[in-house]
Amino acid sequence: MDIDTYEAWYHTPRGHWIGEEEFSLLMRLLPVQLNTGIHRRLLDIGCGSGYFSRHFAASGLQTIGLDSNAAALKYAREQDSKTLYIQGTAEALPFESDSFDYCSAITSLCFVAQPEKALLEMWRLAKRGVLLGLLNRHSLLYRQKQGQGAYRGARWDTLADVRKWIDVLSPQPLAFKSATAIFLPSAGVGARILERLLPASFPCGSFLAVYIEKKSPGSEF
């Protein structure tokens, strides 16, 4: 899918609702206190068109977007001149250790052949924690769309997969939180009602959000 088509989808009624639901879930997991002015630097890896990077920045996080695709970065810069977007790869991030409070990768790891290597790099850079958004293999969307259209070439993960990736991290995480969203990907009226009724702990949403805590929210450094 080209970058214009990808971004345009988020401006359709269905895409807008899904995108907002996913971002809301991510922010509920991220233990940042935006009104304090500290611990707010975030690197958004595989930012693509900058959709989630713009949302992070608008929420008050000091955000840098990173992507390997020059065309995607050009598009992102055109949409948001205030956020810095740089070129790089998830497996070899061009920053010193502990350069950010948080690192995020929202569906981008689904297209990385070695997610463990990318997560190690994110863990190296993040002082406080890592936030992931993944395609959930235990979902209705997987049954409907895997291998098709924009999902062609994407890997669908499970919590068991994430736990295996976490096993190689050093230091080991203090905590691990997960939740899902978008239980019925049709995004119709019934789907939106169901989204409000089912708890985020229900494991079968198509969007799997994970926060891996490296340092507790109350720590100063």
N, C-alpha and C. Protein backbone atom coordinates (compact mmCIF):
# COMPACT_ATOMS: atom_id res chain seq x y z
N MET A 1 0.84 -1.19 0.00
CA MET A 1 0.00 0.00 0.00
C MET A 1 0.88 1.25 0.00
N ASP A 2 0.63 2.19 -0.93
CA ASP A 2 1.42 3.41 -0.95
C ASP A 2 1.02 4.30 0.21
N ILE A 3 1.91 5.25 0.53
CA ILE A 3 1.77 6.02 1.75
C ILE A 3 0.52 6.91 1.73
N ASP A 4 0.15 7.43 0.56
CA ASP A 4 -1.05 8.28 0.48
C ASP A 4 -2.31 7.47 0.78
N THR A 5 -2.37 6.25 0.24
CA THR A 5 -3.53 5.38 0.48
C THR A 5 -3.61 4.98 1.94
N TYR A 6 -2.45 4.67 2.52
CA TYR A 6 -2.38 4.29 3.93
C TYR A 6 -2.93 5.41 4.82
N GLU A 7 -2.45 6.63 4.59
CA GLU A 7 -2.88 7.75 5.42
C GLU A 7 -4.35 8.08 5.17
N ALA A 8 -4.78 7.99 3.91
CA ALA A 8 -6.17 8.31 3.58
C ALA A 8 -7.14 7.39 4.30
N TRP A 9 -6.73 6.14 4.52
CA TRP A 9 -7.61 5.19 5.22
C TRP A 9 -7.96 5.69 6.61
N TYR A 10 -7.00 6.34 7.29
CA TYR A 10 -7.26 6.85 8.64
C TYR A 10 -8.23 8.03 8.64
N HIS A 11 -8.53 8.56 7.47
CA HIS A 11 -9.46 9.69 7.39
C HIS A 11 -10.85 9.25 6.92
N THR A 12 -11.03 7.96 6.72
CA THR A 12 -12.36 7.42 6.48
C THR A 12 -13.05 7.25 7.83
N PRO A 13 -14.39 7.19 7.88
CA PRO A 13 -15.06 6.99 9.18
C PRO A 13 -14.57 5.74 9.91
N ARG A 14 -14.40 4.63 9.18
CA ARG A 14 -13.95 3.39 9.81
C ARG A 14 -12.51 3.52 10.29
N GLY A 15 -11.64 4.03 9.43
CA GLY A 15 -10.24 4.16 9.78
C GLY A 15 -10.01 5.13 10.92
N HIS A 16 -10.76 6.22 10.93
CA HIS A 16 -10.62 7.20 12.01
C HIS A 16 -11.00 6.58 13.36
N TRP A 17 -12.12 5.87 13.38
CA TRP A 17 -12.55 5.26 14.64
C TRP A 17 -11.53 4.23 15.13
N ILE A 18 -11.06 3.38 14.21
CA ILE A 18 -10.09 2.36 14.60
C ILE A 18 -8.80 3.01 15.10
N GLY A 19 -8.30 3.99 14.37
CA GLY A 19 -7.06 4.65 14.78
C GLY A 19 -7.17 5.30 16.14
N GLU A 20 -8.29 5.95 16.40
CA GLU A 20 -8.47 6.61 17.70
C GLU A 20 -8.59 5.59 18.84
N GLU A 21 -9.27 4.48 18.58
CA GLU A 21 -9.39 3.42 19.59
C GLU A 21 -8.01 2.83 19.91
N GLU A 22 -7.22 2.59 18.89
CA GLU A 22 -5.89 2.02 19.10
C GLU A 22 -5.00 2.98 19.88
N PHE A 23 -5.03 4.26 19.50
CA PHE A 23 -4.17 5.22 20.20
C PHE A 23 -4.61 5.39 21.65
N SER A 24 -5.91 5.41 21.88
CA SER A 24 -6.42 5.52 23.25
C SER A 24 -5.93 4.37 24.11
N LEU A 25 -5.94 3.16 23.56
CA LEU A 25 -5.46 1.99 24.30
C LEU A 25 -3.98 2.12 24.60
N LEU A 26 -3.19 2.55 23.63
CA LEU A 26 -1.75 2.72 23.84
C LEU A 26 -1.46 3.71 24.97
N MET A 27 -2.17 4.81 24.99
CA MET A 27 -1.93 5.83 26.01
C MET A 27 -2.39 5.39 27.39
N ARG A 28 -3.36 4.50 27.44
CA ARG A 28 -3.77 3.96 28.75
C ARG A 28 -2.69 3.06 29.33
N LEU A 29 -1.92 2.42 28.48
CA LEU A 29 -0.84 1.54 28.96
C LEU A 29 0.43 2.31 29.31
N LEU A 30 0.66 3.43 28.62
CA LEU A 30 1.90 4.18 28.81
C LEU A 30 1.83 4.97 30.13
N PRO A 31 2.74 4.71 31.07
CA PRO A 31 2.63 5.33 32.41
C PRO A 31 3.30 6.71 32.48
N VAL A 32 3.01 7.57 31.51
CA VAL A 32 3.66 8.88 31.49
C VAL A 32 2.72 9.91 32.12
N GLN A 33 3.30 10.83 32.88
CA GLN A 33 2.55 11.93 33.48
C GLN A 33 2.87 13.18 32.67
N LEU A 34 2.01 13.49 31.71
CA LEU A 34 2.30 14.53 30.74
C LEU A 34 2.38 15.91 31.36
N ASN A 35 1.71 16.13 32.48
CA ASN A 35 1.69 17.46 33.08
C ASN A 35 2.92 17.77 33.91
N THR A 36 3.83 16.81 34.09
CA THR A 36 5.00 17.03 34.92
C THR A 36 6.16 17.63 34.15
N GLY A 37 6.18 17.46 32.84
CA GLY A 37 7.28 17.98 32.03
C GLY A 37 8.52 17.12 32.03
N ILE A 38 8.48 15.95 32.68
CA ILE A 38 9.64 15.07 32.71
C ILE A 38 9.26 13.70 32.15
N HIS A 39 10.29 12.95 31.75
CA HIS A 39 10.11 11.60 31.23
C HIS A 39 9.13 11.58 30.05
N ARG A 40 9.37 12.44 29.08
CA ARG A 40 8.40 12.56 27.99
C ARG A 40 9.01 12.31 26.61
N ARG A 41 10.28 12.01 26.50
CA ARG A 41 10.90 11.83 25.18
C ARG A 41 10.58 10.44 24.64
N LEU A 42 10.06 10.42 23.43
CA LEU A 42 9.63 9.15 22.82
C LEU A 42 10.15 9.05 21.40
N LEU A 43 10.70 7.89 21.06
CA LEU A 43 11.10 7.57 19.68
C LEU A 43 10.08 6.60 19.12
N ASP A 44 9.41 7.01 18.03
CA ASP A 44 8.40 6.17 17.38
C ASP A 44 9.03 5.50 16.17
N ILE A 45 9.25 4.20 16.27
CA ILE A 45 10.03 3.45 15.29
C ILE A 45 9.11 2.81 14.26
N GLY A 46 9.47 3.00 12.98
CA GLY A 46 8.60 2.54 11.90
C GLY A 46 7.38 3.43 11.80
N CYS A 47 7.61 4.74 11.82
CA CYS A 47 6.51 5.71 11.95
C CYS A 47 5.66 5.83 10.69
N GLY A 48 6.18 5.39 9.53
CA GLY A 48 5.41 5.47 8.30
C GLY A 48 4.98 6.88 7.98
N SER A 49 3.69 7.09 7.76
CA SER A 49 3.16 8.41 7.41
C SER A 49 3.19 9.39 8.58
N GLY A 50 3.53 8.90 9.77
CA GLY A 50 3.57 9.75 10.96
C GLY A 50 2.25 9.83 11.70
N TYR A 51 1.30 8.96 11.36
CA TYR A 51 -0.03 9.03 11.98
C TYR A 51 0.07 8.93 13.51
N PHE A 52 0.72 7.90 14.02
CA PHE A 52 0.81 7.75 15.48
C PHE A 52 1.83 8.72 16.08
N SER A 53 2.88 9.05 15.35
CA SER A 53 3.84 10.04 15.84
C SER A 53 3.15 11.37 16.10
N ARG A 54 2.28 11.79 15.17
CA ARG A 54 1.55 13.05 15.35
C ARG A 54 0.64 12.98 16.58
N HIS A 55 0.01 11.83 16.78
CA HIS A 55 -0.84 11.66 17.96
C HIS A 55 -0.02 11.73 19.24
N PHE A 56 1.13 11.08 19.26
CA PHE A 56 1.98 11.13 20.45
C PHE A 56 2.41 12.57 20.73
N ALA A 57 2.82 13.28 19.68
CA ALA A 57 3.27 14.67 19.84
C ALA A 57 2.13 15.55 20.33
N ALA A 58 0.94 15.35 19.78
CA ALA A 58 -0.21 16.16 20.17
C ALA A 58 -0.61 15.91 21.62
N SER A 59 -0.30 14.73 22.13
CA SER A 59 -0.64 14.40 23.52
C SER A 59 0.31 15.04 24.52
N GLY A 60 1.43 15.57 24.02
CA GLY A 60 2.39 16.23 24.90
C GLY A 60 3.73 15.55 25.00
N LEU A 61 3.92 14.44 24.29
CA LEU A 61 5.21 13.75 24.30
C LEU A 61 6.17 14.42 23.31
N GLN A 62 7.43 14.52 23.70
CA GLN A 62 8.46 15.05 22.81
C GLN A 62 8.88 13.92 21.88
N THR A 63 8.35 13.91 20.67
CA THR A 63 8.38 12.75 19.79
C THR A 63 9.35 12.93 18.63
N ILE A 64 10.08 11.88 18.33
CA ILE A 64 10.86 11.78 17.09
C ILE A 64 10.36 10.55 16.35
N GLY A 65 10.07 10.69 15.07
CA GLY A 65 9.65 9.55 14.25
C GLY A 65 10.82 9.02 13.44
N LEU A 66 10.89 7.71 13.32
CA LEU A 66 11.97 7.07 12.56
C LEU A 66 11.39 6.04 11.61
N ASP A 67 11.88 6.03 10.38
CA ASP A 67 11.44 5.04 9.40
C ASP A 67 12.56 4.84 8.38
N SER A 68 12.56 3.66 7.75
CA SER A 68 13.57 3.38 6.72
C SER A 68 13.15 3.86 5.35
N ASN A 69 11.87 4.21 5.18
CA ASN A 69 11.30 4.57 3.89
C ASN A 69 11.37 6.09 3.69
N ALA A 70 12.17 6.53 2.73
CA ALA A 70 12.37 7.96 2.50
C ALA A 70 11.07 8.64 2.06
N ALA A 71 10.27 7.95 1.24
CA ALA A 71 9.01 8.54 0.77
C ALA A 71 8.03 8.74 1.93
N ALA A 72 7.99 7.77 2.84
CA ALA A 72 7.12 7.90 4.01
C ALA A 72 7.55 9.07 4.88
N LEU A 73 8.86 9.23 5.06
CA LEU A 73 9.37 10.33 5.89
C LEU A 73 9.06 11.68 5.25
N LYS A 74 9.18 11.76 3.94
CA LYS A 74 8.85 13.00 3.24
C LYS A 74 7.38 13.36 3.48
N TYR A 75 6.51 12.37 3.38
CA TYR A 75 5.08 12.59 3.62
C TYR A 75 4.86 13.03 5.07
N ALA A 76 5.49 12.35 6.01
CA ALA A 76 5.31 12.69 7.43
C ALA A 76 5.73 14.12 7.71
N ARG A 77 6.86 14.54 7.13
CA ARG A 77 7.35 15.91 7.35
C ARG A 77 6.38 16.94 6.76
N GLU A 78 5.76 16.61 5.64
CA GLU A 78 4.81 17.53 5.02
C GLU A 78 3.56 17.70 5.87
N GLN A 79 3.19 16.65 6.63
CA GLN A 79 2.00 16.71 7.48
C GLN A 79 2.29 17.39 8.80
N ASP A 80 3.54 17.35 9.24
CA ASP A 80 3.87 17.81 10.59
C ASP A 80 5.29 18.37 10.60
N SER A 81 5.41 19.67 10.45
CA SER A 81 6.74 20.30 10.37
C SER A 81 7.37 20.49 11.75
N LYS A 82 6.61 20.32 12.81
CA LYS A 82 7.14 20.53 14.16
C LYS A 82 7.83 19.30 14.73
N THR A 83 7.48 18.12 14.23
CA THR A 83 8.07 16.88 14.72
C THR A 83 9.25 16.49 13.85
N LEU A 84 10.33 16.04 14.47
CA LEU A 84 11.51 15.60 13.74
C LEU A 84 11.31 14.18 13.25
N TYR A 85 11.57 13.96 11.97
CA TYR A 85 11.49 12.63 11.37
C TYR A 85 12.84 12.30 10.75
N ILE A 86 13.40 11.14 11.10
CA ILE A 86 14.72 10.77 10.61
C ILE A 86 14.68 9.37 10.01
N GLN A 87 15.66 9.08 9.16
CA GLN A 87 15.73 7.78 8.50
C GLN A 87 16.61 6.83 9.30
N GLY A 88 16.16 5.59 9.42
CA GLY A 88 16.92 4.58 10.14
C GLY A 88 16.17 3.26 10.16
N THR A 89 16.81 2.22 10.66
CA THR A 89 16.19 0.90 10.73
C THR A 89 16.04 0.46 12.18
N ALA A 90 15.02 -0.34 12.41
CA ALA A 90 14.71 -0.79 13.77
C ALA A 90 15.81 -1.65 14.37
N GLU A 91 16.51 -2.38 13.51
CA GLU A 91 17.53 -3.31 14.00
C GLU A 91 18.86 -2.64 14.32
N ALA A 92 19.04 -1.37 13.93
CA ALA A 92 20.28 -0.64 14.21
C ALA A 92 19.93 0.83 14.40
N LEU A 93 19.38 1.17 15.54
CA LEU A 93 18.89 2.52 15.78
C LEU A 93 20.05 3.49 15.99
N PRO A 94 20.03 4.64 15.30
CA PRO A 94 21.19 5.56 15.28
C PRO A 94 21.24 6.52 16.47
N PHE A 95 21.15 5.98 17.67
CA PHE A 95 21.19 6.80 18.89
C PHE A 95 22.01 6.09 19.96
N GLU A 96 22.51 6.88 20.90
CA GLU A 96 23.22 6.31 22.04
C GLU A 96 22.23 5.68 23.01
N SER A 97 22.72 4.79 23.84
CA SER A 97 21.87 4.13 24.84
C SER A 97 21.23 5.16 25.77
N ASP A 98 20.01 4.86 26.21
CA ASP A 98 19.27 5.72 27.13
C ASP A 98 19.00 7.11 26.58
N SER A 99 18.83 7.22 25.27
CA SER A 99 18.58 8.52 24.65
C SER A 99 17.14 8.99 24.80
N PHE A 100 16.22 8.06 25.10
CA PHE A 100 14.80 8.40 25.18
C PHE A 100 14.20 7.82 26.46
N ASP A 101 13.09 8.39 26.87
CA ASP A 101 12.35 7.80 27.98
C ASP A 101 11.61 6.55 27.52
N TYR A 102 11.01 6.66 26.32
CA TYR A 102 10.22 5.55 25.79
C TYR A 102 10.54 5.33 24.31
N CYS A 103 10.38 4.10 23.89
CA CYS A 103 10.40 3.76 22.46
C CYS A 103 9.08 3.09 22.13
N SER A 104 8.55 3.40 20.96
CA SER A 104 7.31 2.76 20.51
C SER A 104 7.52 2.18 19.12
N ALA A 105 6.76 1.14 18.82
CA ALA A 105 6.72 0.56 17.47
C ALA A 105 5.28 0.09 17.27
N ILE A 106 4.52 0.84 16.49
CA ILE A 106 3.09 0.58 16.34
C ILE A 106 2.83 -0.10 15.00
N THR A 107 2.65 -1.38 15.04
CA THR A 107 2.46 -2.32 13.92
C THR A 107 3.68 -2.45 13.03
N SER A 108 4.73 -1.68 13.28
CA SER A 108 5.91 -1.75 12.42
C SER A 108 6.72 -3.03 12.64
N LEU A 109 6.74 -3.56 13.88
CA LEU A 109 7.47 -4.81 14.12
C LEU A 109 6.88 -5.99 13.36
N CYS A 110 5.62 -5.84 12.94
CA CYS A 110 4.96 -6.91 12.18
C CYS A 110 5.62 -7.12 10.82
N PHE A 111 6.44 -6.17 10.40
CA PHE A 111 7.12 -6.27 9.11
C PHE A 111 8.64 -6.37 9.28
N VAL A 112 9.09 -6.62 10.50
CA VAL A 112 10.52 -6.81 10.79
C VAL A 112 10.80 -8.29 10.94
N ALA A 113 11.76 -8.79 10.17
CA ALA A 113 12.04 -10.23 10.16
C ALA A 113 12.56 -10.74 11.51
N GLN A 114 13.32 -9.90 12.21
CA GLN A 114 13.89 -10.29 13.51
C GLN A 114 13.37 -9.34 14.60
N PRO A 115 12.15 -9.54 15.07
CA PRO A 115 11.60 -8.62 16.08
C PRO A 115 12.40 -8.60 17.37
N GLU A 116 13.02 -9.73 17.72
CA GLU A 116 13.82 -9.77 18.95
C GLU A 116 14.99 -8.79 18.87
N LYS A 117 15.62 -8.71 17.70
CA LYS A 117 16.75 -7.80 17.52
C LYS A 117 16.29 -6.36 17.61
N ALA A 118 15.15 -6.07 16.99
CA ALA A 118 14.61 -4.72 17.05
C ALA A 118 14.24 -4.34 18.49
N LEU A 119 13.64 -5.27 19.23
CA LEU A 119 13.27 -5.00 20.61
C LEU A 119 14.50 -4.77 21.48
N LEU A 120 15.57 -5.51 21.24
CA LEU A 120 16.82 -5.28 21.97
C LEU A 120 17.33 -3.86 21.75
N GLU A 121 17.23 -3.38 20.52
CA GLU A 121 17.66 -2.02 20.21
C GLU A 121 16.76 -0.99 20.92
N MET A 122 15.47 -1.23 20.90
CA MET A 122 14.55 -0.33 21.58
C MET A 122 14.82 -0.31 23.09
N TRP A 123 15.10 -1.47 23.63
CA TRP A 123 15.40 -1.60 25.07
C TRP A 123 16.68 -0.86 25.42
N ARG A 124 17.64 -0.88 24.51
CA ARG A 124 18.90 -0.17 24.72
C ARG A 124 18.67 1.35 24.79
N LEU A 125 17.78 1.85 23.98
CA LEU A 125 17.54 3.29 23.90
C LEU A 125 16.61 3.81 24.98
N ALA A 126 15.66 2.98 25.40
CA ALA A 126 14.60 3.45 26.31
C ALA A 126 15.04 3.39 27.77
N LYS A 127 14.93 4.51 28.47
CA LYS A 127 15.26 4.52 29.89
C LYS A 127 14.12 3.96 30.74
N ARG A 128 12.88 4.13 30.27
CA ARG A 128 11.74 3.80 31.13
C ARG A 128 10.89 2.64 30.60
N GLY A 129 10.75 2.49 29.29
CA GLY A 129 9.95 1.37 28.80
C GLY A 129 9.71 1.41 27.31
N VAL A 130 9.13 0.33 26.81
CA VAL A 130 8.87 0.13 25.39
C VAL A 130 7.39 -0.15 25.19
N LEU A 131 6.80 0.51 24.19
CA LEU A 131 5.39 0.37 23.88
C LEU A 131 5.24 -0.24 22.48
N LEU A 132 4.49 -1.34 22.39
CA LEU A 132 4.31 -2.03 21.12
C LEU A 132 2.84 -2.09 20.73
N GLY A 133 2.58 -1.98 19.45
CA GLY A 133 1.26 -2.25 18.89
C GLY A 133 1.42 -3.32 17.83
N LEU A 134 0.75 -4.44 18.00
CA LEU A 134 0.97 -5.61 17.15
C LEU A 134 -0.34 -6.10 16.55
N LEU A 135 -0.23 -6.84 15.46
CA LEU A 135 -1.38 -7.54 14.89
C LEU A 135 -1.56 -8.85 15.64
N ASN A 136 -2.75 -9.05 16.19
CA ASN A 136 -3.01 -10.18 17.06
C ASN A 136 -3.47 -11.40 16.25
N ARG A 137 -2.71 -12.47 16.37
CA ARG A 137 -3.08 -13.70 15.66
C ARG A 137 -4.36 -14.32 16.20
N HIS A 138 -4.65 -14.08 17.47
CA HIS A 138 -5.87 -14.61 18.08
C HIS A 138 -7.01 -13.61 17.91
N SER A 139 -7.39 -13.35 16.66
CA SER A 139 -8.42 -12.34 16.41
C SER A 139 -9.23 -12.69 15.17
N LEU A 140 -10.40 -12.08 15.09
CA LEU A 140 -11.25 -12.25 13.91
C LEU A 140 -10.59 -11.64 12.68
N LEU A 141 -9.89 -10.53 12.85
CA LEU A 141 -9.22 -9.89 11.71
C LEU A 141 -8.21 -10.83 11.07
N TYR A 142 -7.49 -11.59 11.90
CA TYR A 142 -6.52 -12.55 11.35
C TYR A 142 -7.23 -13.56 10.46
N ARG A 143 -8.36 -14.06 10.89
CA ARG A 143 -9.10 -15.05 10.11
C ARG A 143 -9.61 -14.45 8.80
N GLN A 144 -9.92 -13.16 8.83
CA GLN A 144 -10.49 -12.51 7.65
C GLN A 144 -9.45 -11.99 6.68
N LYS A 145 -8.32 -11.47 7.20
CA LYS A 145 -7.44 -10.66 6.35
C LYS A 145 -6.00 -11.12 6.23
N GLN A 146 -5.57 -12.11 6.98
CA GLN A 146 -4.15 -12.47 6.94
C GLN A 146 -3.75 -12.86 5.52
N GLY A 147 -2.62 -12.25 5.09
CA GLY A 147 -2.09 -12.50 3.75
C GLY A 147 -2.75 -11.73 2.64
N GLN A 148 -3.68 -10.83 2.97
CA GLN A 148 -4.42 -10.10 1.95
C GLN A 148 -4.14 -8.60 2.02
N GLY A 149 -4.19 -7.94 0.87
CA GLY A 149 -4.12 -6.47 0.80
C GLY A 149 -2.97 -5.89 1.59
N ALA A 150 -3.27 -4.92 2.45
CA ALA A 150 -2.25 -4.25 3.24
C ALA A 150 -1.58 -5.18 4.24
N TYR A 151 -2.19 -6.33 4.51
CA TYR A 151 -1.64 -7.28 5.49
C TYR A 151 -0.73 -8.31 4.84
N ARG A 152 -0.57 -8.22 3.53
CA ARG A 152 0.31 -9.17 2.84
C ARG A 152 1.74 -8.97 3.33
N GLY A 153 2.37 -10.03 3.76
CA GLY A 153 3.74 -9.95 4.26
C GLY A 153 3.85 -9.62 5.74
N ALA A 154 2.74 -9.34 6.39
CA ALA A 154 2.77 -9.01 7.82
C ALA A 154 2.81 -10.26 8.67
N ARG A 155 3.48 -10.18 9.81
CA ARG A 155 3.50 -11.28 10.77
C ARG A 155 2.45 -10.97 11.85
N TRP A 156 1.69 -11.97 12.22
CA TRP A 156 0.67 -11.84 13.27
C TRP A 156 1.21 -12.50 14.53
N ASP A 157 1.27 -11.76 15.61
CA ASP A 157 1.92 -12.23 16.83
C ASP A 157 0.91 -12.54 17.93
N THR A 158 1.41 -13.20 18.96
CA THR A 158 0.63 -13.51 20.15
C THR A 158 1.41 -13.06 21.38
N LEU A 159 0.75 -13.06 22.53
CA LEU A 159 1.46 -12.72 23.77
C LEU A 159 2.58 -13.71 24.06
N ALA A 160 2.37 -14.95 23.68
CA ALA A 160 3.43 -15.96 23.88
C ALA A 160 4.67 -15.59 23.08
N ASP A 161 4.49 -15.07 21.88
CA ASP A 161 5.64 -14.62 21.08
C ASP A 161 6.36 -13.47 21.78
N VAL A 162 5.60 -12.51 22.28
CA VAL A 162 6.20 -11.35 22.94
C VAL A 162 6.99 -11.78 24.18
N ARG A 163 6.45 -12.73 24.92
CA ARG A 163 7.17 -13.20 26.12
C ARG A 163 8.51 -13.84 25.75
N LYS A 164 8.58 -14.50 24.61
CA LYS A 164 9.85 -15.07 24.15
C LYS A 164 10.84 -13.97 23.81
N TRP A 165 10.35 -12.91 23.17
CA TRP A 165 11.24 -11.79 22.86
C TRP A 165 11.78 -11.17 24.15
N ILE A 166 10.91 -11.06 25.15
CA ILE A 166 11.29 -10.40 26.39
C ILE A 166 12.36 -11.19 27.15
N ASP A 167 12.37 -12.49 26.96
CA ASP A 167 13.32 -13.34 27.69
C ASP A 167 14.77 -12.94 27.45
N VAL A 168 15.06 -12.31 26.30
CA VAL A 168 16.46 -11.98 25.97
C VAL A 168 16.84 -10.59 26.45
N LEU A 169 15.91 -9.83 27.02
CA LEU A 169 16.20 -8.46 27.43
C LEU A 169 17.04 -8.43 28.71
N SER A 170 17.94 -7.46 28.75
CA SER A 170 18.76 -7.25 29.95
C SER A 170 18.94 -5.74 30.13
N PRO A 171 18.59 -5.24 31.31
CA PRO A 171 18.00 -5.95 32.46
C PRO A 171 16.60 -6.45 32.15
N GLN A 172 16.18 -7.45 32.89
CA GLN A 172 14.83 -7.97 32.70
C GLN A 172 13.80 -6.92 33.11
N PRO A 173 12.64 -6.88 32.44
CA PRO A 173 11.62 -5.87 32.74
C PRO A 173 11.11 -5.95 34.18
N LEU A 174 10.71 -4.80 34.71
CA LEU A 174 10.07 -4.75 36.02
C LEU A 174 8.63 -5.23 35.93
N ALA A 175 7.99 -4.94 34.80
CA ALA A 175 6.58 -5.29 34.63
C ALA A 175 6.25 -5.41 33.14
N PHE A 176 5.11 -6.02 32.88
CA PHE A 176 4.69 -6.31 31.51
C PHE A 176 3.17 -6.19 31.49
N LYS A 177 2.64 -5.28 30.68
CA LYS A 177 1.19 -5.08 30.60
C LYS A 177 0.74 -5.25 29.15
N SER A 178 -0.47 -5.80 28.99
CA SER A 178 -0.99 -5.97 27.64
C SER A 178 -2.50 -5.76 27.64
N ALA A 179 -3.03 -5.43 26.48
CA ALA A 179 -4.46 -5.25 26.30
C ALA A 179 -4.75 -5.32 24.81
N THR A 180 -6.01 -5.53 24.45
CA THR A 180 -6.37 -5.58 23.04
C THR A 180 -7.55 -4.65 22.76
N ALA A 181 -7.73 -4.35 21.47
CA ALA A 181 -8.84 -3.51 21.03
C ALA A 181 -9.25 -3.93 19.63
N ILE A 182 -10.35 -3.41 19.17
CA ILE A 182 -10.92 -3.67 17.84
C ILE A 182 -11.31 -5.14 17.74
N PHE A 183 -12.35 -5.49 18.47
CA PHE A 183 -12.79 -6.89 18.51
C PHE A 183 -13.55 -7.29 17.24
N LEU A 184 -14.36 -6.38 16.71
CA LEU A 184 -15.03 -6.60 15.43
C LEU A 184 -14.51 -5.56 14.44
N PRO A 185 -13.65 -5.94 13.51
CA PRO A 185 -13.00 -4.95 12.64
C PRO A 185 -13.92 -4.26 11.65
N SER A 186 -15.18 -4.67 11.57
CA SER A 186 -16.12 -3.99 10.68
C SER A 186 -16.32 -2.54 11.09
N ALA A 187 -16.18 -2.26 12.37
CA ALA A 187 -16.29 -0.90 12.94
C ALA A 187 -17.68 -0.30 12.77
N GLY A 188 -18.68 -1.15 12.57
CA GLY A 188 -20.06 -0.67 12.48
C GLY A 188 -20.62 -0.32 13.85
N VAL A 189 -21.89 0.02 13.88
CA VAL A 189 -22.52 0.42 15.14
C VAL A 189 -22.41 -0.69 16.17
N GLY A 190 -22.71 -1.94 15.77
CA GLY A 190 -22.63 -3.05 16.70
C GLY A 190 -21.22 -3.26 17.21
N ALA A 191 -20.23 -3.09 16.32
CA ALA A 191 -18.83 -3.26 16.72
C ALA A 191 -18.43 -2.21 17.74
N ARG A 192 -18.91 -1.00 17.58
CA ARG A 192 -18.56 0.08 18.50
C ARG A 192 -19.22 -0.10 19.87
N ILE A 193 -20.41 -0.63 19.84
CA ILE A 193 -21.07 -0.93 21.12
C ILE A 193 -20.32 -2.04 21.85
N LEU A 194 -19.97 -3.10 21.10
CA LEU A 194 -19.24 -4.22 21.70
C LEU A 194 -17.90 -3.76 22.28
N GLU A 195 -17.25 -2.82 21.59
CA GLU A 195 -15.96 -2.30 22.04
C GLU A 195 -16.08 -1.68 23.43
N ARG A 196 -17.22 -1.09 23.71
CA ARG A 196 -17.44 -0.47 25.02
C ARG A 196 -17.79 -1.50 26.10
N LEU A 197 -18.36 -2.61 25.67
CA LEU A 197 -18.81 -3.62 26.63
C LEU A 197 -17.71 -4.59 27.03
N LEU A 198 -16.83 -4.94 26.09
CA LEU A 198 -15.77 -5.90 26.39
C LEU A 198 -14.57 -5.19 27.02
N PRO A 199 -13.99 -5.78 28.05
CA PRO A 199 -12.81 -5.17 28.67
C PRO A 199 -11.58 -5.32 27.78
N ALA A 200 -10.63 -4.40 27.93
CA ALA A 200 -9.39 -4.47 27.15
C ALA A 200 -8.58 -5.72 27.47
N SER A 201 -8.88 -6.34 28.61
CA SER A 201 -8.18 -7.58 28.97
C SER A 201 -8.65 -8.77 28.14
N PHE A 202 -9.78 -8.62 27.45
CA PHE A 202 -10.26 -9.68 26.57
C PHE A 202 -9.20 -9.89 25.49
N PRO A 203 -8.71 -11.11 25.28
CA PRO A 203 -7.49 -11.32 24.49
C PRO A 203 -7.67 -11.37 22.98
N CYS A 204 -8.87 -11.17 22.46
CA CYS A 204 -9.11 -11.46 21.05
C CYS A 204 -9.30 -10.24 20.16
N GLY A 205 -8.91 -9.06 20.62
CA GLY A 205 -8.96 -7.89 19.76
C GLY A 205 -7.89 -7.97 18.69
N SER A 206 -8.14 -7.36 17.55
CA SER A 206 -7.18 -7.46 16.45
C SER A 206 -5.91 -6.64 16.70
N PHE A 207 -6.00 -5.64 17.59
CA PHE A 207 -4.85 -4.80 17.92
C PHE A 207 -4.35 -5.19 19.30
N LEU A 208 -3.13 -5.69 19.37
CA LEU A 208 -2.52 -6.13 20.62
C LEU A 208 -1.51 -5.08 21.07
N ALA A 209 -1.80 -4.42 22.18
CA ALA A 209 -0.91 -3.40 22.73
C ALA A 209 -0.15 -3.97 23.92
N VAL A 210 1.14 -3.67 23.98
CA VAL A 210 2.00 -4.20 25.04
C VAL A 210 2.90 -3.08 25.56
N TYR A 211 3.00 -2.94 26.87
CA TYR A 211 3.97 -2.04 27.47
C TYR A 211 4.93 -2.87 28.32
N ILE A 212 6.23 -2.69 28.09
CA ILE A 212 7.28 -3.41 28.81
C ILE A 212 8.03 -2.39 29.64
N GLU A 213 7.92 -2.50 30.95
CA GLU A 213 8.45 -1.49 31.85
C GLU A 213 9.90 -1.80 32.24
N LYS A 214 10.76 -0.82 32.02
CA LYS A 214 12.16 -0.96 32.36
C LYS A 214 12.47 -0.29 33.71
N LYS A 215 11.80 0.84 33.96
CA LYS A 215 12.00 1.58 35.19
C LYS A 215 10.63 2.07 35.66
N SER A 216 10.37 2.02 36.94
CA SER A 216 9.05 2.35 37.46
C SER A 216 8.73 3.82 37.26
N PRO A 217 7.43 4.16 37.12
CA PRO A 217 7.05 5.55 36.89
C PRO A 217 7.52 6.51 37.98
N GLY A 218 7.68 6.03 39.20
CA GLY A 218 8.08 6.91 40.29
C GLY A 218 9.57 7.18 40.36
N SER A 219 10.38 6.48 39.56
CA SER A 219 11.82 6.67 39.58
C SER A 219 12.19 7.99 38.92
N GLU A 220 13.15 8.71 39.49
CA GLU A 220 13.53 10.01 38.96
C GLU A 220 14.50 9.89 37.80
N PHE A 221 15.31 8.84 37.77
CA PHE A 221 16.35 8.76 36.75
C PHE A 221 16.22 7.48 35.95
